[in-house]
PDB file of all heavy atoms in Angstrom:
ATOM      1  N   ALA A   1       4.036  12.953  10.672  1.00  0.00           N
ATOM      2  CA  ALA A   1       3.760  13.620   9.394  1.00  0.00           C
ATOM      3  C   ALA A   1       2.265  13.577   9.074  1.00  0.00           C
ATOM      4  O   ALA A   1       1.713  14.527   8.513  1.00  0.00           O
ATOM      5  CB  ALA A   1       4.560  12.962   8.274  1.00  0.00           C
ATOM      6  N   ALA A   2       1.602  12.476   9.438  1.00  0.00           N
ATOM      7  CA  ALA A   2       0.156  12.387   9.229  1.00  0.00           C
ATOM      8  C   ALA A   2      -0.582  13.413  10.087  1.00  0.00           C
ATOM      9  O   ALA A   2      -1.573  14.006   9.648  1.00  0.00           O
ATOM     10  CB  ALA A   2      -0.332  10.973   9.565  1.00  0.00           C
ATOM     11  N   ILE A   3      -0.087  13.652  11.288  1.00  0.00           N
ATOM     12  CA  ILE A   3      -0.677  14.674  12.159  1.00  0.00           C
ATOM     13  C   ILE A   3      -0.440  16.060  11.568  1.00  0.00           C
ATOM     14  O   ILE A   3      -1.337  16.912  11.557  1.00  0.00           O
ATOM     15  CB  ILE A   3      -0.081  14.563  13.582  1.00  0.00           C
ATOM     16  CG1 ILE A   3      -0.530  13.251  14.234  1.00  0.00           C
ATOM     17  CG2 ILE A   3      -0.492  15.762  14.442  1.00  0.00           C
ATOM     18  CD1 ILE A   3       0.197  12.936  15.523  1.00  0.00           C
ATOM     19  N   ASP A   4       0.759  16.292  11.047  1.00  0.00           N
ATOM     20  CA  ASP A   4       1.075  17.580  10.454  1.00  0.00           C
ATOM     21  C   ASP A   4       0.160  17.890   9.276  1.00  0.00           C
ATOM     22  O   ASP A   4      -0.191  19.050   9.042  1.00  0.00           O
ATOM     23  CB  ASP A   4       2.544  17.586  10.000  1.00  0.00           C
ATOM     24  CG  ASP A   4       2.976  18.900   9.396  1.00  0.00           C
ATOM     25  OD1 ASP A   4       3.080  19.887  10.160  1.00  0.00           O
ATOM     26  OD2 ASP A   4       3.191  18.957   8.169  1.00  0.00           O
ATOM     27  N   ARG A   5      -0.248  16.857   8.543  1.00  0.00           N
ATOM     28  CA  ARG A   5      -1.129  17.034   7.386  1.00  0.00           C
ATOM     29  C   ARG A   5      -2.613  16.936   7.756  1.00  0.00           C
ATOM     30  O   ARG A   5      -3.463  16.886   6.861  1.00  0.00           O
ATOM     31  CB  ARG A   5      -0.779  16.007   6.305  1.00  0.00           C
ATOM     32  CG  ARG A   5       0.641  16.173   5.767  1.00  0.00           C
ATOM     33  CD  ARG A   5       0.935  15.260   4.612  1.00  0.00           C
ATOM     34  NE  ARG A   5       2.287  15.473   4.108  1.00  0.00           N
ATOM     35  CZ  ARG A   5       2.761  14.996   2.959  1.00  0.00           C
ATOM     36  NH1 ARG A   5       1.959  14.268   2.186  1.00  0.00           N
ATOM     37  NH2 ARG A   5       3.996  15.235   2.581  1.00  0.00           N
ATOM     38  N   ARG A   6      -2.896  16.844   9.048  1.00  0.00           N
ATOM     39  CA  ARG A   6      -4.263  16.790   9.570  1.00  0.00           C
ATOM     40  C   ARG A   6      -4.995  15.514   9.150  1.00  0.00           C
ATOM     41  O   ARG A   6      -6.237  15.454   9.178  1.00  0.00           O
ATOM     42  CB  ARG A   6      -5.081  18.022   9.143  1.00  0.00           C
ATOM     43  CG  ARG A   6      -4.535  19.336   9.657  1.00  0.00           C
ATOM     44  CD  ARG A   6      -4.662  19.427  11.165  1.00  0.00           C
ATOM     45  NE  ARG A   6      -6.050  19.461  11.595  1.00  0.00           N
ATOM     46  CZ  ARG A   6      -6.442  19.310  12.857  1.00  0.00           C
ATOM     47  NH1 ARG A   6      -5.542  19.089  13.805  1.00  0.00           N
ATOM     48  NH2 ARG A   6      -7.732  19.360  13.181  1.00  0.00           N
ATOM     49  N   LEU A   7      -4.250  14.485   8.769  1.00  0.00           N
ATOM     50  CA  LEU A   7      -4.866  13.194   8.506  1.00  0.00           C
ATOM     51  C   LEU A   7      -5.251  12.520   9.814  1.00  0.00           C
ATOM     52  O   LEU A   7      -6.177  11.712   9.864  1.00  0.00           O
ATOM     53  CB  LEU A   7      -3.898  12.299   7.718  1.00  0.00           C
ATOM     54  CG  LEU A   7      -3.475  12.809   6.346  1.00  0.00           C
ATOM     55  CD1 LEU A   7      -2.395  11.917   5.755  1.00  0.00           C
ATOM     56  CD2 LEU A   7      -4.679  12.887   5.420  1.00  0.00           C
ATOM     57  N   VAL A   8      -4.507  12.846  10.861  1.00  0.00           N
ATOM     58  CA  VAL A   8      -4.809  12.378  12.211  1.00  0.00           C
ATOM     59  C   VAL A   8      -4.934  13.614  13.095  1.00  0.00           C
ATOM     60  O   VAL A   8      -4.013  14.435  13.140  1.00  0.00           O
ATOM     61  CB  VAL A   8      -3.708  11.442  12.749  1.00  0.00           C
ATOM     62  CG1 VAL A   8      -3.980  11.063  14.200  1.00  0.00           C
ATOM     63  CG2 VAL A   8      -3.592  10.183  11.886  1.00  0.00           C
ATOM     64  N   HIS A   9      -6.063  13.733  13.796  1.00  0.00           N
ATOM     65  CA  HIS A   9      -6.271  14.950  14.591  1.00  0.00           C
ATOM     66  C   HIS A   9      -7.072  14.709  15.866  1.00  0.00           C
ATOM     67  O   HIS A   9      -7.299  15.646  16.635  1.00  0.00           O
ATOM     68  CB  HIS A   9      -6.962  16.028  13.743  1.00  0.00           C
ATOM     69  CG  HIS A   9      -8.215  15.555  13.076  1.00  0.00           C
ATOM     70  ND1 HIS A   9      -9.436  15.519  13.722  1.00  0.00           N
ATOM     71  CD2 HIS A   9      -8.425  15.069  11.822  1.00  0.00           C
ATOM     72  CE1 HIS A   9     -10.344  15.034  12.896  1.00  0.00           C
ATOM     73  NE2 HIS A   9      -9.762  14.754  11.731  1.00  0.00           N
ATOM     74  N   ASP A  10      -7.517  13.454  16.094  1.00  0.00           N
ATOM     75  CA  ASP A  10      -8.253  13.143  17.313  1.00  0.00           C
ATOM     76  C   ASP A  10      -8.168  11.640  17.562  1.00  0.00           C
ATOM     77  O   ASP A  10      -7.494  10.904  16.814  1.00  0.00           O
ATOM     78  CB  ASP A  10      -9.708  13.612  17.226  1.00  0.00           C
ATOM     79  CG  ASP A  10     -10.464  13.029  16.040  1.00  0.00           C
ATOM     80  OD1 ASP A  10      -9.970  12.050  15.430  1.00  0.00           O
ATOM     81  OD2 ASP A  10     -11.551  13.546  15.717  1.00  0.00           O
ATOM     82  N   ALA A  11      -8.858  11.159  18.598  1.00  0.00           N
ATOM     83  CA  ALA A  11      -8.774   9.744  18.952  1.00  0.00           C
ATOM     84  C   ALA A  11      -9.308   8.847  17.840  1.00  0.00           C
ATOM     85  O   ALA A  11      -8.753   7.780  17.562  1.00  0.00           O
ATOM     86  CB  ALA A  11      -9.526   9.490  20.259  1.00  0.00           C
ATOM     87  N   ALA A  12     -10.383   9.260  17.198  1.00  0.00           N
ATOM     88  CA  ALA A  12     -10.988   8.431  16.148  1.00  0.00           C
ATOM     89  C   ALA A  12     -10.064   8.265  14.950  1.00  0.00           C
ATOM     90  O   ALA A  12      -9.905   7.161  14.416  1.00  0.00           O
ATOM     91  CB  ALA A  12     -12.323   9.033  15.716  1.00  0.00           C
ATOM     92  N   THR A  13      -9.437   9.369  14.513  1.00  0.00           N
ATOM     93  CA  THR A  13      -8.537   9.270  13.362  1.00  0.00           C
ATOM     94  C   THR A  13      -7.229   8.575  13.738  1.00  0.00           C
ATOM     95  O   THR A  13      -6.608   7.913  12.900  1.00  0.00           O
ATOM     96  CB  THR A  13      -8.251  10.662  12.772  1.00  0.00           C
ATOM     97  OG1 THR A  13      -7.863  11.574  13.822  1.00  0.00           O
ATOM     98  CG2 THR A  13      -9.483  11.214  12.069  1.00  0.00           C
ATOM     99  N   LEU A  14      -6.803   8.686  14.999  1.00  0.00           N
ATOM    100  CA  LEU A  14      -5.632   7.941  15.455  1.00  0.00           C
ATOM    101  C   LEU A  14      -5.913   6.439  15.418  1.00  0.00           C
ATOM    102  O   LEU A  14      -5.070   5.648  14.974  1.00  0.00           O
ATOM    103  CB  LEU A  14      -5.252   8.360  16.875  1.00  0.00           C
ATOM    104  CG  LEU A  14      -4.125   7.555  17.545  1.00  0.00           C
ATOM    105  CD1 LEU A  14      -2.822   7.680  16.760  1.00  0.00           C
ATOM    106  CD2 LEU A  14      -3.932   8.007  18.988  1.00  0.00           C
ATOM    107  N   GLU A  15      -7.093   6.048  15.861  1.00  0.00           N
ATOM    108  CA  GLU A  15      -7.470   4.629  15.824  1.00  0.00           C
ATOM    109  C   GLU A  15      -7.480   4.102  14.390  1.00  0.00           C
ATOM    110  O   GLU A  15      -6.949   3.021  14.104  1.00  0.00           O
ATOM    111  CB  GLU A  15      -8.850   4.448  16.454  1.00  0.00           C
ATOM    112  CG  GLU A  15      -9.342   3.013  16.434  1.00  0.00           C
ATOM    113  CD  GLU A  15     -10.747   2.867  16.984  1.00  0.00           C
ATOM    114  OE1 GLU A  15     -11.190   3.756  17.737  1.00  0.00           O
ATOM    115  OE2 GLU A  15     -11.401   1.851  16.658  1.00  0.00           O
ATOM    116  N   SER A  16      -8.059   4.869  13.482  1.00  0.00           N
ATOM    117  CA  SER A  16      -8.112   4.458  12.082  1.00  0.00           C
ATOM    118  C   SER A  16      -6.714   4.342  11.495  1.00  0.00           C
ATOM    119  O   SER A  16      -6.396   3.375  10.783  1.00  0.00           O
ATOM    120  CB  SER A  16      -8.939   5.468  11.283  1.00  0.00           C
ATOM    121  OG  SER A  16      -8.957   5.122   9.915  1.00  0.00           O
ATOM    122  N   TRP A  17      -5.868   5.326  11.782  1.00  0.00           N
ATOM    123  CA  TRP A  17      -4.499   5.299  11.266  1.00  0.00           C
ATOM    124  C   TRP A  17      -3.733   4.097  11.804  1.00  0.00           C
ATOM    125  O   TRP A  17      -3.060   3.388  11.039  1.00  0.00           O
ATOM    126  CB  TRP A  17      -3.767   6.588  11.643  1.00  0.00           C
ATOM    127  CG  TRP A  17      -2.443   6.750  10.970  1.00  0.00           C
ATOM    128  CD1 TRP A  17      -2.176   7.394   9.809  1.00  0.00           C
ATOM    129  CD2 TRP A  17      -1.177   6.227  11.427  1.00  0.00           C
ATOM    130  NE1 TRP A  17      -0.839   7.311   9.509  1.00  0.00           N
ATOM    131  CE2 TRP A  17      -0.206   6.600  10.475  1.00  0.00           C
ATOM    132  CE3 TRP A  17      -0.793   5.481  12.538  1.00  0.00           C
ATOM    133  CZ2 TRP A  17       1.138   6.252  10.617  1.00  0.00           C
ATOM    134  CZ3 TRP A  17       0.541   5.123  12.674  1.00  0.00           C
ATOM    135  CH2 TRP A  17       1.491   5.513  11.715  1.00  0.00           C
ATOM    136  N   ALA A  18      -3.814   3.843  13.109  1.00  0.00           N
ATOM    137  CA  ALA A  18      -3.089   2.732  13.713  1.00  0.00           C
ATOM    138  C   ALA A  18      -3.558   1.394  13.142  1.00  0.00           C
ATOM    139  O   ALA A  18      -2.750   0.503  12.861  1.00  0.00           O
ATOM    140  CB  ALA A  18      -3.266   2.758  15.233  1.00  0.00           C
ATOM    141  N   ARG A  19      -4.865   1.243  12.950  1.00  0.00           N
ATOM    142  CA  ARG A  19      -5.404  -0.001  12.402  1.00  0.00           C
ATOM    143  C   ARG A  19      -4.876  -0.254  10.993  1.00  0.00           C
ATOM    144  O   ARG A  19      -4.453  -1.365  10.664  1.00  0.00           O
ATOM    145  CB  ARG A  19      -6.940   0.066  12.400  1.00  0.00           C
ATOM    146  CG  ARG A  19      -7.598  -1.167  11.811  1.00  0.00           C
ATOM    147  CD  ARG A  19      -9.117  -1.103  11.915  1.00  0.00           C
ATOM    148  NE  ARG A  19      -9.553  -1.288  13.306  1.00  0.00           N
ATOM    149  CZ  ARG A  19     -10.077  -0.336  14.052  1.00  0.00           C
ATOM    150  NH1 ARG A  19     -10.253   0.900  13.553  1.00  0.00           N
ATOM    151  NH2 ARG A  19     -10.442  -0.580  15.295  1.00  0.00           N
ATOM    152  N   ARG A  20      -4.887   0.780  10.170  1.00  0.00           N
ATOM    153  CA  ARG A  20      -4.398   0.612   8.789  1.00  0.00           C
ATOM    154  C   ARG A  20      -2.900   0.373   8.763  1.00  0.00           C
ATOM    155  O   ARG A  20      -2.398  -0.421   7.949  1.00  0.00           O
ATOM    156  CB  ARG A  20      -4.761   1.852   7.969  1.00  0.00           C
ATOM    157  CG  ARG A  20      -6.258   2.005   7.751  1.00  0.00           C
ATOM    158  CD  ARG A  20      -6.595   3.271   6.998  1.00  0.00           C
ATOM    159  NE  ARG A  20      -8.036   3.426   6.844  1.00  0.00           N
ATOM    160  CZ  ARG A  20      -8.602   4.447   6.227  1.00  0.00           C
ATOM    161  NH1 ARG A  20      -7.863   5.409   5.711  1.00  0.00           N
ATOM    162  NH2 ARG A  20      -9.920   4.506   6.136  1.00  0.00           N
ATOM    163  N   TRP A  21      -2.159   1.048   9.628  1.00  0.00           N
ATOM    164  CA  TRP A  21      -0.708   0.856   9.686  1.00  0.00           C
ATOM    165  C   TRP A  21      -0.372  -0.584  10.057  1.00  0.00           C
ATOM    166  O   TRP A  21       0.474  -1.219   9.417  1.00  0.00           O
ATOM    167  CB  TRP A  21      -0.121   1.830  10.704  1.00  0.00           C
ATOM    168  CG  TRP A  21       1.344   1.668  10.966  1.00  0.00           C
ATOM    169  CD1 TRP A  21       2.359   1.786  10.061  1.00  0.00           C
ATOM    170  CD2 TRP A  21       1.960   1.352  12.218  1.00  0.00           C
ATOM    171  NE1 TRP A  21       3.573   1.574  10.676  1.00  0.00           N
ATOM    172  CE2 TRP A  21       3.355   1.305  12.002  1.00  0.00           C
ATOM    173  CE3 TRP A  21       1.459   1.126  13.503  1.00  0.00           C
ATOM    174  CZ2 TRP A  21       4.258   1.030  13.023  1.00  0.00           C
ATOM    175  CZ3 TRP A  21       2.347   0.852  14.520  1.00  0.00           C
ATOM    176  CH2 TRP A  21       3.737   0.804  14.287  1.00  0.00           C
ATOM    177  N   LEU A  22      -1.029  -1.122  11.063  1.00  0.00           N
ATOM    178  CA  LEU A  22      -0.781  -2.502  11.474  1.00  0.00           C
ATOM    179  C   LEU A  22      -1.184  -3.485  10.382  1.00  0.00           C
ATOM    180  O   LEU A  22      -0.471  -4.460  10.109  1.00  0.00           O
ATOM    181  CB  LEU A  22      -1.560  -2.817  12.753  1.00  0.00           C
ATOM    182  CG  LEU A  22      -1.142  -2.079  14.024  1.00  0.00           C
ATOM    183  CD1 LEU A  22      -2.148  -2.359  15.139  1.00  0.00           C
ATOM    184  CD2 LEU A  22       0.260  -2.479  14.464  1.00  0.00           C
ATOM    185  N   THR A  23      -2.319  -3.220   9.730  1.00  0.00           N
ATOM    186  CA  THR A  23      -2.890  -4.173   8.774  1.00  0.00           C
ATOM    187  C   THR A  23      -2.162  -4.187   7.441  1.00  0.00           C
ATOM    188  O   THR A  23      -1.931  -5.263   6.863  1.00  0.00           O
ATOM    189  CB  THR A  23      -4.378  -3.852   8.535  1.00  0.00           C
ATOM    190  OG1 THR A  23      -5.072  -3.886   9.785  1.00  0.00           O
ATOM    191  CG2 THR A  23      -5.007  -4.841   7.569  1.00  0.00           C
ATOM    192  N   PHE A  24      -1.788  -3.020   6.951  1.00  0.00           N
ATOM    193  CA  PHE A  24      -1.260  -2.938   5.590  1.00  0.00           C
ATOM    194  C   PHE A  24       0.242  -2.674   5.499  1.00  0.00           C
ATOM    195  O   PHE A  24       0.838  -2.929   4.455  1.00  0.00           O
ATOM    196  CB  PHE A  24      -2.003  -1.850   4.806  1.00  0.00           C
ATOM    197  CG  PHE A  24      -3.473  -2.093   4.696  1.00  0.00           C
ATOM    198  CD1 PHE A  24      -4.390  -1.277   5.336  1.00  0.00           C
ATOM    199  CD2 PHE A  24      -3.953  -3.164   3.958  1.00  0.00           C
ATOM    200  CE1 PHE A  24      -5.752  -1.502   5.238  1.00  0.00           C
ATOM    201  CE2 PHE A  24      -5.318  -3.406   3.849  1.00  0.00           C
ATOM    202  CZ  PHE A  24      -6.220  -2.577   4.499  1.00  0.00           C
ATOM    203  N   ALA A  25       0.850  -2.169   6.545  1.00  0.00           N
ATOM    204  CA  ALA A  25       2.278  -1.829   6.495  1.00  0.00           C
ATOM    205  C   ALA A  25       3.105  -2.725   7.408  1.00  0.00           C
ATOM    206  O   ALA A  25       3.875  -3.573   6.936  1.00  0.00           O
ATOM    207  CB  ALA A  25       2.476  -0.356   6.860  1.00  0.00           C
ATOM    208  N   LEU A  26       2.957  -2.583   8.699  1.00  0.00           N
ATOM    209  CA  LEU A  26       3.804  -3.323   9.639  1.00  0.00           C
ATOM    210  C   LEU A  26       3.534  -4.820   9.613  1.00  0.00           C
ATOM    211  O   LEU A  26       4.461  -5.630   9.531  1.00  0.00           O
ATOM    212  CB  LEU A  26       3.595  -2.778  11.052  1.00  0.00           C
ATOM    213  CG  LEU A  26       4.510  -3.418  12.096  1.00  0.00           C
ATOM    214  CD1 LEU A  26       5.851  -2.686  12.155  1.00  0.00           C
ATOM    215  CD2 LEU A  26       3.866  -3.413  13.478  1.00  0.00           C
ATOM    216  N   GLY A  27       2.273  -5.200   9.700  1.00  0.00           N
ATOM    217  CA  GLY A  27       1.939  -6.617   9.795  1.00  0.00           C
ATOM    218  C   GLY A  27       2.459  -7.467   8.645  1.00  0.00           C
ATOM    219  O   GLY A  27       3.169  -8.455   8.876  1.00  0.00           O
ATOM    220  N   PRO A  28       2.139  -7.127   7.389  1.00  0.00           N
ATOM    221  CA  PRO A  28       2.576  -7.970   6.275  1.00  0.00           C
ATOM    222  C   PRO A  28       4.093  -8.013   6.078  1.00  0.00           C
ATOM    223  O   PRO A  28       4.596  -8.927   5.422  1.00  0.00           O
ATOM    224  CB  PRO A  28       1.902  -7.311   5.064  1.00  0.00           C
ATOM    225  CG  PRO A  28       0.759  -6.546   5.622  1.00  0.00           C
ATOM    226  CD  PRO A  28       1.233  -6.054   6.952  1.00  0.00           C
ATOM    227  N   ALA A  29       4.804  -7.067   6.620  1.00  0.00           N
ATOM    228  CA  ALA A  29       6.262  -7.046   6.470  1.00  0.00           C
ATOM    229  C   ALA A  29       6.934  -7.564   7.741  1.00  0.00           C
ATOM    230  O   ALA A  29       7.313  -8.735   7.823  1.00  0.00           O
ATOM    231  CB  ALA A  29       6.731  -5.627   6.137  1.00  0.00           C
ATOM    232  N   GLU A  30       7.060  -6.716   8.747  1.00  0.00           N
ATOM    233  CA  GLU A  30       7.741  -7.115   9.975  1.00  0.00           C
ATOM    234  C   GLU A  30       7.013  -8.252  10.699  1.00  0.00           C
ATOM    235  O   GLU A  30       7.649  -9.113  11.302  1.00  0.00           O
ATOM    236  CB  GLU A  30       7.895  -5.921  10.909  1.00  0.00           C
ATOM    237  CG  GLU A  30       9.003  -4.962  10.502  1.00  0.00           C
ATOM    238  CD  GLU A  30       8.464  -3.765   9.738  1.00  0.00           C
ATOM    239  OE1 GLU A  30       7.476  -3.947   8.996  1.00  0.00           O
ATOM    240  OE2 GLU A  30       9.023  -2.661   9.891  1.00  0.00           O
ATOM    241  N   GLY A  31       5.678  -8.265  10.629  1.00  0.00           N
ATOM    242  CA  GLY A  31       4.938  -9.338  11.284  1.00  0.00           C
ATOM    243  C   GLY A  31       5.284 -10.705  10.727  1.00  0.00           C
ATOM    244  O   GLY A  31       5.501 -11.669  11.478  1.00  0.00           O
ATOM    245  N   VAL A  32       5.355 -10.825   9.412  1.00  0.00           N
ATOM    246  CA  VAL A  32       5.712 -12.099   8.782  1.00  0.00           C
ATOM    247  C   VAL A  32       7.161 -12.458   9.095  1.00  0.00           C
ATOM    248  O   VAL A  32       7.493 -13.630   9.319  1.00  0.00           O
ATOM    249  CB  VAL A  32       5.462 -12.035   7.264  1.00  0.00           C
ATOM    250  CG1 VAL A  32       5.936 -13.316   6.580  1.00  0.00           C
ATOM    251  CG2 VAL A  32       3.982 -11.810   6.977  1.00  0.00           C
ATOM    252  N   VAL A  33       8.041 -11.470   9.116  1.00  0.00           N
ATOM    253  CA  VAL A  33       9.438 -11.735   9.462  1.00  0.00           C
ATOM    254  C   VAL A  33       9.549 -12.270  10.879  1.00  0.00           C
ATOM    255  O   VAL A  33      10.319 -13.196  11.156  1.00  0.00           O
ATOM    256  CB  VAL A  33      10.299 -10.463   9.282  1.00  0.00           C
ATOM    257  CG1 VAL A  33      11.658 -10.616   9.959  1.00  0.00           C
ATOM    258  CG2 VAL A  33      10.483 -10.176   7.796  1.00  0.00           C
ATOM    259  N   VAL A  34       8.788 -11.709  11.806  1.00  0.00           N
ATOM    260  CA  VAL A  34       8.810 -12.195  13.188  1.00  0.00           C
ATOM    261  C   VAL A  34       8.365 -13.654  13.247  1.00  0.00           C
ATOM    262  O   VAL A  34       8.998 -14.489  13.915  1.00  0.00           O
ATOM    263  CB  VAL A  34       7.931 -11.310  14.088  1.00  0.00           C
ATOM    264  CG1 VAL A  34       7.619 -12.011  15.410  1.00  0.00           C
ATOM    265  CG2 VAL A  34       8.637  -9.996  14.368  1.00  0.00           C
ATOM    266  N   ALA A  35       7.283 -13.991  12.564  1.00  0.00           N
ATOM    267  CA  ALA A  35       6.811 -15.380  12.564  1.00  0.00           C
ATOM    268  C   ALA A  35       7.857 -16.311  11.967  1.00  0.00           C
ATOM    269  O   ALA A  35       8.128 -17.401  12.504  1.00  0.00           O
ATOM    270  CB  ALA A  35       5.504 -15.477  11.774  1.00  0.00           C
ATOM    271  N   THR A  36       8.459 -15.892  10.872  1.00  0.00           N
ATOM    272  CA  THR A  36       9.458 -16.712  10.194  1.00  0.00           C
ATOM    273  C   THR A  36      10.697 -16.921  11.045  1.00  0.00           C
ATOM    274  O   THR A  36      11.204 -18.041  11.172  1.00  0.00           O
ATOM    275  CB  THR A  36       9.854 -16.056   8.852  1.00  0.00           C
ATOM    276  OG1 THR A  36       8.699 -15.918   8.031  1.00  0.00           O
ATOM    277  CG2 THR A  36      10.885 -16.898   8.131  1.00  0.00           C
ATOM    278  N   THR A  37      11.201 -15.844  11.630  1.00  0.00           N
ATOM    279  CA  THR A  37      12.425 -15.967  12.428  1.00  0.00           C
ATOM    280  C   THR A  37      12.165 -16.710  13.731  1.00  0.00           C
ATOM    281  O   THR A  37      13.063 -17.385  14.251  1.00  0.00           O
ATOM    282  CB  THR A  37      13.036 -14.590  12.726  1.00  0.00           C
ATOM    283  OG1 THR A  37      12.047 -13.733  13.312  1.00  0.00           O
ATOM    284  CG2 THR A  37      13.554 -13.941  11.449  1.00  0.00           C
ATOM    285  N   CYS A  38      10.952 -16.627  14.249  1.00  0.00           N
ATOM    286  CA  CYS A  38      10.603 -17.395  15.438  1.00  0.00           C
ATOM    287  C   CYS A  38      10.672 -18.896  15.131  1.00  0.00           C
ATOM    288  O   CYS A  38      11.277 -19.670  15.888  1.00  0.00           O
ATOM    289  CB  CYS A  38       9.215 -17.003  15.927  1.00  0.00           C
ATOM    290  SG  CYS A  38       8.677 -17.828  17.431  1.00  0.00           S
ATOM    291  N   ARG A  39      10.073 -19.302  14.027  1.00  0.00           N
ATOM    292  CA  ARG A  39      10.142 -20.713  13.625  1.00  0.00           C
ATOM    293  C   ARG A  39      11.575 -21.138  13.352  1.00  0.00           C
ATOM    294  O   ARG A  39      12.012 -22.220  13.754  1.00  0.00           O
ATOM    295  CB  ARG A  39       9.294 -20.942  12.369  1.00  0.00           C
ATOM    296  CG  ARG A  39       7.804 -21.040  12.604  1.00  0.00           C
ATOM    297  CD  ARG A  39       7.092 -21.591  11.376  1.00  0.00           C
ATOM    298  NE  ARG A  39       7.232 -20.700  10.234  1.00  0.00           N
ATOM    299  CZ  ARG A  39       6.378 -19.713   9.951  1.00  0.00           C
ATOM    300  NH1 ARG A  39       5.341 -19.483  10.738  1.00  0.00           N
ATOM    301  NH2 ARG A  39       6.562 -18.952   8.894  1.00  0.00           N
ATOM    302  N   ALA A  40      12.313 -20.278  12.655  1.00  0.00           N
ATOM    303  CA  ALA A  40      13.687 -20.626  12.277  1.00  0.00           C
ATOM    304  C   ALA A  40      14.596 -20.744  13.498  1.00  0.00           C
ATOM    305  O   ALA A  40      15.434 -21.655  13.579  1.00  0.00           O
ATOM    306  CB  ALA A  40      14.238 -19.582  11.309  1.00  0.00           C
ATOM    307  N   ALA A  41      14.442 -19.836  14.452  1.00  0.00           N
ATOM    308  CA  ALA A  41      15.284 -19.892  15.653  1.00  0.00           C
ATOM    309  C   ALA A  41      15.006 -21.154  16.451  1.00  0.00           C
ATOM    310  O   ALA A  41      15.925 -21.774  17.008  1.00  0.00           O
ATOM    311  CB  ALA A  41      15.062 -18.652  16.513  1.00  0.00           C
ATOM    312  N   ALA A  42      13.742 -21.550  16.520  1.00  0.00           N
ATOM    313  CA  ALA A  42      13.394 -22.775  17.239  1.00  0.00           C
ATOM    314  C   ALA A  42      14.014 -24.003  16.582  1.00  0.00           C
ATOM    315  O   ALA A  42      14.306 -25.002  17.256  1.00  0.00           O
ATOM    316  CB  ALA A  42      11.878 -22.924  17.306  1.00  0.00           C
TER     317      ALA A  42
END
Protein backbone atom coordinates (compact mmCIF):
# COMPACT_ATOMS: atom_id res chain seq x y z
CA ALA A 1 0.00 0.00 0.00
CA ALA A 2 2.93 2.34 0.69
CA ILE A 3 4.24 1.60 -2.81
CA ASP A 4 0.80 2.23 -4.29
CA ARG A 5 0.78 5.67 -2.62
CA ARG A 6 4.33 6.39 -3.86
CA LEU A 7 5.65 6.58 -0.31
CA VAL A 8 8.11 3.90 -1.37
CA HIS A 9 9.42 4.04 -4.93
CA ASP A 10 13.15 3.19 -4.92
CA ALA A 11 15.90 1.60 -2.83
CA ALA A 12 16.37 4.67 -0.62
CA THR A 13 12.69 4.98 0.30
CA LEU A 14 12.45 1.20 0.82
CA GLU A 15 15.35 1.40 3.28
CA SER A 16 13.69 4.27 5.14
CA TRP A 17 10.35 2.46 5.27
CA ALA A 18 11.88 -0.81 6.50
CA ARG A 19 13.89 0.98 9.20
CA ARG A 20 10.83 2.80 10.54
CA TRP A 21 8.68 -0.34 10.36
CA LEU A 22 11.20 -2.33 12.41
CA THR A 23 11.80 0.50 14.89
CA PHE A 24 8.30 1.76 15.55
CA ALA A 25 5.89 -1.05 14.61
CA LEU A 26 7.30 -4.58 14.59
CA GLY A 27 10.08 -4.22 17.13
CA PRO A 28 8.16 -2.71 20.08
CA ALA A 29 5.33 -5.21 19.66
CA GLU A 30 6.37 -8.58 18.22
CA GLY A 31 10.02 -8.03 19.16
CA VAL A 32 9.20 -7.65 22.86
CA VAL A 33 6.85 -10.64 22.69
CA VAL A 34 9.65 -12.76 21.22
CA ALA A 35 12.02 -11.76 24.03
CA THR A 36 9.37 -12.43 26.66
CA THR A 37 8.30 -15.80 25.32
CA CYS A 38 11.92 -16.86 24.88
CA ARG A 39 12.59 -16.20 28.57
CA ALA A 40 9.31 -17.80 29.60
CA ALA A 41 9.85 -20.96 27.54
CA ALA A 42 13.31 -21.41 29.04
